[in-house]
Amino acid sequence: MKLNLKNPLVFFDLETTGTNINSDRIVEICYLKVHPNGNEEAKTMRINPEMPIPAEASAVHGIYDADVADCPTFKQVAKQVARDIEGCDLAGFNSNRFDIPVLAEEFLRAGVEVDLSRRKFIDVQVIFHKMEQRTLSAAYKFYCGKNLDDAHTAAADTRATYEVLMAQLDRYPDLQNDVAFLSDYSCFTKFVDFAGRMVYDDKGVEVFNFGKYKGMAVTEVLKRDPGYYSWMLNSDFTLNTKAMLTKIRLRELTNK
């Protein structure tokens, strides 16, 4: 099956120093760009995270400090990555909850402006979990009938994710071969920020998704408790979360 694409679709995977989207860094990025005509381009880059790679992370992906000592930092390649994904939709495995937020944080730290809000995101893991409830290796075996060699290397995981999505489209007639449909289907909740600290309710209103104000409209909370904004900006939230909160606050101030 050929994917029905209006824009190029970039399947990507990150290997990182850990699982904290606020503070951990990319050590490897791989992306497979699939064009509407079916042509493919693949690229893998090792990244110097400018911090030690914890042993437990290296045990998963096999990348050690010495492997990235002479590699470029993300800031040095950020503009190149931004150009490569310009005008593309994005797909990955657990990407909505991890890879997209981490990538957004890295762009912000590098000072490279990339508007991801206009992109469509397909999370193949969400489709898989809705259908079968398994891991990527199991998904690859289940859908493609093959063992996933070199699991937890970015290149292998990226290619496997692409193949799994193609097999899912073949297997499930209810799945439409359409990026907009797959993007909507692979989202459990519509996030305002990539970390999911704020979400849209069923009326399209931004509400907090954590803490004492969970379920309350962001604008109402900022009116009722002005100090909450400062608290969030000075706390350990992602740069993207702080930026989206500021955007909402400025919008309300402008509309007064």
Protein backbone atom coordinates (compact mmCIF):
# COMPACT_ATOMS: atom_id res chain seq x y z
CA MET A 1 0.00 0.00 0.00
CA LYS A 2 1.16 3.53 -0.78
CA LEU A 3 0.43 6.21 1.80
CA ASN A 4 -2.07 8.82 0.63
CA LEU A 5 -0.14 12.01 1.35
CA LYS A 6 -0.71 15.68 0.61
CA ASN A 7 2.49 16.69 2.38
CA PRO A 8 5.68 14.73 3.02
CA LEU A 9 5.39 12.58 6.14
CA VAL A 10 8.47 12.34 8.36
CA PHE A 11 8.74 9.22 10.51
CA PHE A 12 11.27 9.94 13.23
CA ASP A 13 12.72 8.50 16.41
CA LEU A 14 14.92 9.96 19.13
CA GLU A 15 17.42 8.33 21.42
CA THR A 16 17.98 10.46 24.50
CA THR A 17 19.79 10.80 27.80
CA GLY A 18 16.59 9.80 29.62
CA THR A 19 12.82 10.11 29.69
CA ASN A 20 12.34 13.54 31.28
CA ILE A 21 11.05 15.80 28.51
CA ASN A 22 11.96 18.88 30.56
CA SER A 23 15.65 18.16 31.03
CA ASP A 24 16.88 15.23 28.96
CA ARG A 25 18.63 15.70 25.63
CA ILE A 26 18.81 14.04 22.23
CA VAL A 27 21.81 11.80 21.52
CA GLU A 28 20.57 10.45 18.18
CA ILE A 29 17.86 11.45 15.74
CA CYS A 30 16.75 9.47 12.74
CA TYR A 31 14.08 10.45 10.28
CA LEU A 32 12.60 8.85 7.21
CA LYS A 33 10.86 11.33 4.93
CA VAL A 34 8.20 9.78 2.72
CA HIS A 35 7.11 12.02 -0.15
CA PRO A 36 3.62 12.04 -1.72
CA ASN A 37 5.06 10.30 -4.80
CA GLY A 38 6.42 7.49 -2.61
CA ASN A 39 10.08 8.53 -2.71
CA GLU A 40 11.96 8.13 0.55
CA GLU A 41 14.87 9.96 2.18
CA ALA A 42 16.54 8.71 5.35
CA LYS A 43 18.96 10.45 7.69
CA THR A 44 20.54 9.55 11.02
CA MET A 45 22.60 11.92 13.16
CA ARG A 46 24.40 11.41 16.45
CA ILE A 47 24.14 14.45 18.72
CA ASN A 48 26.39 15.62 21.55
CA PRO A 49 23.88 16.25 24.37
CA GLU A 50 26.31 18.47 26.30
CA MET A 51 25.71 16.38 29.39
CA PRO A 52 26.78 12.90 30.53
CA ILE A 53 24.68 10.04 29.22
CA PRO A 54 23.46 8.02 32.23
CA ALA A 55 24.51 4.36 32.25
CA GLU A 56 20.89 3.21 32.32
CA ALA A 57 20.16 5.16 29.13
CA SER A 58 23.26 3.79 27.38
CA ALA A 59 22.19 0.28 28.37
CA VAL A 60 18.99 0.81 26.35
CA HIS A 61 20.27 2.44 23.17
CA GLY A 62 23.97 1.53 23.23
CA ILE A 63 25.23 5.10 22.84
CA TYR A 64 27.95 6.24 25.24
CA ASP A 65 29.67 9.54 25.98
CA ALA A 66 32.66 8.62 23.82
CA ASP A 67 30.37 7.89 20.86
CA VAL A 68 29.07 11.46 20.76
CA ALA A 69 32.07 13.40 22.07
CA ASP A 70 32.98 14.71 18.59
CA CYS A 71 29.41 14.98 17.29
CA PRO A 72 27.61 18.30 16.75
CA THR A 73 25.30 19.69 19.40
CA PHE A 74 21.62 20.00 18.61
CA LYS A 75 22.01 23.77 18.39
CA GLN A 76 24.54 23.26 15.60
CA VAL A 77 22.17 21.10 13.53
CA ALA A 78 18.83 22.60 14.58
CA LYS A 79 18.41 24.76 11.48
CA GLN A 80 19.21 21.80 9.24
CA VAL A 81 16.65 19.61 11.01
CA ALA A 82 14.09 22.42 10.80
CA ARG A 83 14.68 22.70 7.05
CA ASP A 84 14.38 18.94 6.61
CA ILE A 85 10.96 18.81 8.29
CA GLU A 86 9.64 22.10 6.89
CA GLY A 87 6.15 21.63 5.47
CA CYS A 88 6.03 18.01 6.64
CA ASP A 89 3.67 16.12 8.91
CA LEU A 90 5.29 13.94 11.59
CA ALA A 91 4.88 10.33 12.65
CA GLY A 92 6.47 8.17 15.31
CA PHE A 93 5.97 5.52 17.98
CA ASN A 94 4.94 7.13 21.29
CA SER A 95 5.87 10.37 19.55
CA ASN A 96 2.96 12.47 20.82
CA ARG A 97 3.93 11.88 24.43
CA PHE A 98 7.71 11.85 24.11
CA ASP A 99 9.51 12.52 20.82
CA ILE A 100 7.46 15.58 19.76
CA PRO A 101 7.76 17.31 23.18
CA VAL A 102 11.51 16.59 23.37
CA LEU A 103 12.10 17.85 19.83
CA ALA A 104 10.10 20.99 20.55
CA GLU A 105 12.17 21.64 23.68
CA GLU A 106 15.43 21.20 21.78
CA PHE A 107 14.34 23.70 19.12
CA LEU A 108 13.39 26.21 21.82
CA ARG A 109 16.72 25.78 23.61
CA ALA A 110 18.54 26.23 20.30
CA GLY A 111 16.61 29.42 19.58
CA VAL A 112 15.25 28.04 16.31
CA GLU A 113 11.60 28.89 15.71
CA VAL A 114 9.62 25.98 14.32
CA ASP A 115 5.82 26.21 14.27
CA LEU A 116 4.73 22.65 14.94
CA SER A 117 1.14 23.69 15.65
CA ARG A 118 0.26 23.49 11.96
CA ARG A 119 1.61 19.96 11.54
CA LYS A 120 -0.37 16.76 11.79
CA PHE A 121 1.04 14.10 14.11
CA ILE A 122 0.49 10.37 13.68
CA ASP A 123 1.38 8.26 16.70
CA VAL A 124 1.60 4.67 15.53
CA GLN A 125 1.78 3.46 19.14
CA VAL A 126 -1.64 4.93 19.90
CA ILE A 127 -3.14 3.17 16.88
CA PHE A 128 -1.46 -0.04 18.01
CA HIS A 129 -2.63 0.30 21.61
CA LYS A 130 -6.18 1.03 20.53
CA MET A 131 -6.13 -2.05 18.35
CA GLU A 132 -3.81 -4.55 20.05
CA GLN A 133 -2.15 -3.22 23.28
CA ARG A 134 1.52 -4.17 22.63
CA THR A 135 5.11 -2.78 22.30
CA LEU A 136 6.94 -1.76 19.10
CA SER A 137 8.85 -5.05 18.86
CA ALA A 138 5.61 -6.97 19.35
CA ALA A 139 3.85 -4.69 16.90
CA TYR A 140 6.54 -5.32 14.29
CA LYS A 141 6.26 -9.08 14.81
CA PHE A 142 2.44 -8.97 14.86
CA TYR A 143 1.90 -6.77 11.82
CA CYS A 144 4.98 -7.43 9.71
CA GLY A 145 5.82 -11.01 10.70
CA LYS A 146 9.46 -10.13 11.40
CA ASN A 147 11.68 -9.78 14.43
CA LEU A 148 12.90 -6.26 15.16
CA ASP A 149 16.68 -6.57 15.11
CA ASP A 150 18.64 -3.68 16.63
CA ALA A 151 15.63 -2.52 18.64
CA HIS A 152 16.23 0.80 20.41
CA THR A 153 18.46 2.10 17.66
CA ALA A 154 16.83 5.14 16.11
CA ALA A 155 17.23 3.91 12.53
CA ALA A 156 15.70 0.48 13.22
CA ASP A 157 12.82 1.90 15.27
CA THR A 158 12.07 4.55 12.64
CA ARG A 159 11.93 2.07 9.77
CA ALA A 160 9.87 -0.37 11.85
CA THR A 161 7.37 2.37 12.74
CA TYR A 162 6.91 3.18 9.03
CA GLU A 163 6.36 -0.48 8.17
CA VAL A 164 3.94 -0.98 11.07
CA LEU A 165 1.77 1.93 9.95
CA MET A 166 1.64 0.54 6.41
CA ALA A 167 0.63 -2.87 7.78
CA GLN A 168 -2.00 -1.29 10.04
CA LEU A 169 -3.59 0.37 7.02
CA ASP A 170 -3.67 -2.99 5.25
CA ARG A 171 -5.11 -4.82 8.25
CA TYR A 172 -7.82 -2.43 9.48
CA PRO A 173 -10.43 -1.30 6.94
CA ASP A 174 -11.71 1.32 9.41
CA LEU A 175 -8.40 3.19 9.20
CA GLN A 176 -8.46 5.75 6.41
CA ASN A 177 -5.33 6.25 4.33
CA ASP A 178 -5.40 9.94 5.13
CA VAL A 179 -2.96 11.87 7.32
CA ALA A 180 -5.64 14.11 8.87
CA PHE A 181 -7.73 11.06 9.87
CA LEU A 182 -4.72 9.18 11.24
CA SER A 183 -3.56 12.24 13.15
CA ASP A 184 -6.96 12.61 14.82
CA TYR A 185 -7.25 8.88 15.45
CA SER A 186 -3.83 8.62 17.09
CA CYS A 187 -4.58 11.33 19.66
CA PHE A 188 -6.32 10.41 22.92
CA THR A 189 -6.60 14.05 23.95
CA LYS A 190 -6.03 17.30 22.08
CA PHE A 191 -3.13 18.97 23.83
CA VAL A 192 -2.55 22.72 23.99
CA ASP A 193 1.13 22.14 24.84
CA PHE A 194 3.15 19.11 23.87
CA ALA A 195 3.59 17.97 27.47
CA GLY A 196 -0.20 17.86 27.94
CA ARG A 197 -0.29 20.20 30.93
CA MET A 198 -3.11 22.07 29.17
CA VAL A 199 -5.72 20.49 26.91
CA TYR A 200 -8.75 21.57 24.93
CA ASP A 201 -12.13 20.57 26.38
CA ASP A 202 -15.07 19.46 24.24
CA LYS A 203 -15.89 23.12 23.56
CA GLY A 204 -12.38 23.97 22.39
CA VAL A 205 -11.49 25.88 25.56
CA GLU A 206 -7.99 25.56 27.03
CA VAL A 207 -8.15 23.93 30.47
CA PHE A 208 -5.47 22.82 32.91
CA ASN A 209 -4.81 19.09 32.91
CA PHE A 210 -3.01 18.78 36.26
CA GLY A 211 -2.96 20.01 39.83
CA LYS A 212 -5.49 21.88 41.89
CA TYR A 213 -7.01 23.64 38.86
CA LYS A 214 -7.37 20.53 36.72
CA GLY A 215 -10.40 20.88 34.42
CA MET A 216 -10.66 24.64 34.93
CA ALA A 217 -10.27 27.11 32.06
CA VAL A 218 -6.77 28.55 31.89
CA THR A 219 -8.09 32.09 31.37
CA GLU A 220 -10.33 31.84 34.44
CA VAL A 221 -7.50 30.56 36.61
CA LEU A 222 -5.19 33.38 35.48
CA LYS A 223 -7.89 35.91 36.41
CA ARG A 224 -8.67 34.28 39.75
CA ASP A 225 -5.09 33.49 40.76
CA PRO A 226 -2.66 35.80 38.89
CA GLY A 227 0.28 34.39 40.83
CA TYR A 228 -0.26 30.98 39.26
CA TYR A 229 1.24 32.27 36.01
CA SER A 230 4.45 33.34 37.73
CA TRP A 231 4.60 30.08 39.66
CA MET A 232 4.42 28.05 36.45
CA LEU A 233 7.04 30.17 34.70
CA ASN A 234 9.45 29.68 37.61
CA SER A 235 8.75 25.96 38.06
CA ASP A 236 10.00 22.85 36.27
CA PHE A 237 7.63 22.91 33.30
CA THR A 238 8.76 22.58 29.69
CA LEU A 239 9.67 25.67 27.70
CA ASN A 240 6.83 24.86 25.33
CA THR A 241 4.31 24.72 28.19
CA LYS A 242 5.49 28.12 29.44
CA ALA A 243 5.37 29.57 25.92
CA MET A 244 1.79 28.36 25.31
CA LEU A 245 0.68 29.65 28.73
CA THR A 246 2.22 33.03 27.93
CA LYS A 247 0.51 33.04 24.54
CA ILE A 248 -2.88 32.52 26.20
CA ARG A 249 -2.16 35.22 28.78
CA LEU A 250 -1.08 37.75 26.14
CA ARG A 251 -4.13 36.94 24.02
CA GLU A 252 -6.41 37.71 26.93
CA LEU A 253 -4.57 40.94 27.77
CA THR A 254 -4.83 42.05 24.13
CA ASN A 255 -8.55 41.28 24.01
CA LYS A 256 -9.34 43.36 27.09
